[in-house]
Amino acid sequence: SNVTESDSVLDSSLVASSMKKFEEQLIIDAKKREDAITLSLWDFGGQNVFYSMHHIFLTESGVYILLFDIRDLLQLDTKHASLAYIMFWLKSIRLHAFGAPLLIVATFCAQAQRKEDLIM
């Protein structure tokens, strides 16, 4: 199905409202138990339609994992786009969650043909 910009704006306000209720309930539940630990994982799959909602989820209290496929950086035809995508996420996390811990993970490193390929 095609998502229009107006659908995205409507969904954004609905998501913001749902997130606020979710976080409030988490706090209430955590206060009831001294040994409670709550973990929420959010996958930002990268679809452009959701970019406008990132500020709702990215906060300084989060811990972030930026995962990318190293093979895309090693191929000439995908290197530029892959690097731009990584930079987008780094800038977005810095803007909305400045100082939050960030772990950068490259996948498929074992498939690099030479060790030198991994050094950028």
Foldseek 3Di string as FASTA:
>chain_A
DDADLVNLVVVLVVVLVVVVVVVVVVVVVCVVDVPDDDDDDDDPVDDPSCPVNVLSPQAQPDAEEAEEELVLCLDPVRNVVRVVSSVVVVVSNCVRHNPHHYHYYYPPPVVDPDPVSVPD
